[in-house]
């Protein structure tokens, strides 16, 4: 949970392979995988103190596990937060955050460009329990300001967004939240701490779907919240213990090992994405490309400042269509002609994955909600992997060059 034994003079790449719990008596070099649901206690008095929270120690798998702790310590070290708490998935991390921080009558302001399931969770499911919310533009600070109420407790943004890669000003939103007595949570899934550290810009909570780039090879589900040690211990951990929204040790171990190559993967895949986005802008069948490192991106300057000059590994593009009703069929044609790249709704894999957001990740939103978020039927999202760039282009050309 808390980040320990991580000297401040170590750099991110070193922390990615070294931050973890202490080795066992066997001196293993690769972090151990502890597959156990319970822990034998040395004596009854110690057991009582540990269950009462008066002494550190492992008691039961729903409370903590050494492998999970290693994963949490490593992520906290990378994000620059005091602590982290691992969960079963990215959505369970958001659920845990909302359950821990909100009650009936509280108000949340969030971007309409958030992941579709997040919009449904906060705007519909939590609304049933009296939590109010206001949806605002990802990039318009005046809308965020106007939405603040006396009962506003949380501002929640994702940057860059899925799938249009919109970028918000984290520092400005942090100031806005804190002046209103609220917290700012940032979904850092797309950028990861390899490219962007929201805590350094004033964010209070950083949320992750570890399923994506933290794992990096599409193997397991995982989530996490990074925050101060006080917030984790006082607010998040009690709810997690009572609700059971915990990460399995095996999945934690997979993500722990995935983070060792996070910096290398993110920079290599981002370079591929930048090259592919630049190429797609020149294709006559492409109407528009969305990628933060392109000069055509509306928040290009801000993205380059916040993301260490790198655009990330996800881009989206609209296929040209003579009429709106043609857009879906034309996007489907591009996807159906793929032979090398994968039609898959995940992202963060070493394999390049393409998806049609309007019918998958954002398919449960109303047409009006999708239109407000700018997600059309001709939009294709590309999570760029590590295949050779020329092979990516060749596979996309099968569809783009044969559009009628």
Foldseek 3Di string as FASTA:
>chain_A
DFAPPDDPPDDLLVLLQPGFDDDDPVPDSQDDQDQDFADDDPDDVRLVCCVVVNDDDTGGVLQDDRLLRRLFNSQCVLLVFRTKAKFQFLVVQVVLVCVQFDAAPAEEEEELLAFQVSCCCQVPVVVVRRYHYDYDHQADVVRVLVPDDLRYAEYEYEALGPPQRDGYQLLSVLVSQVVSVHAYEYEDAQQRSLFFRSVVSRHAKYKYFLCAQLLQANDHTMIMIGHHPCCCVPGRSVVSSVVSRHHRSVVSSSSSVSSSCSNVFFVLLQVLQVVVQVVLVPFPQWDDKRWLCDPPHPCNVVCCVRRVHTTGNKMKTFTDDPDQVCQLVLQVQLQVQADQAADDPGASRLGKYKYQCCCPRNVPPDPVSCVVNVRGSRMMMIRGHNDDSVSVVVRSCSRSVPRD
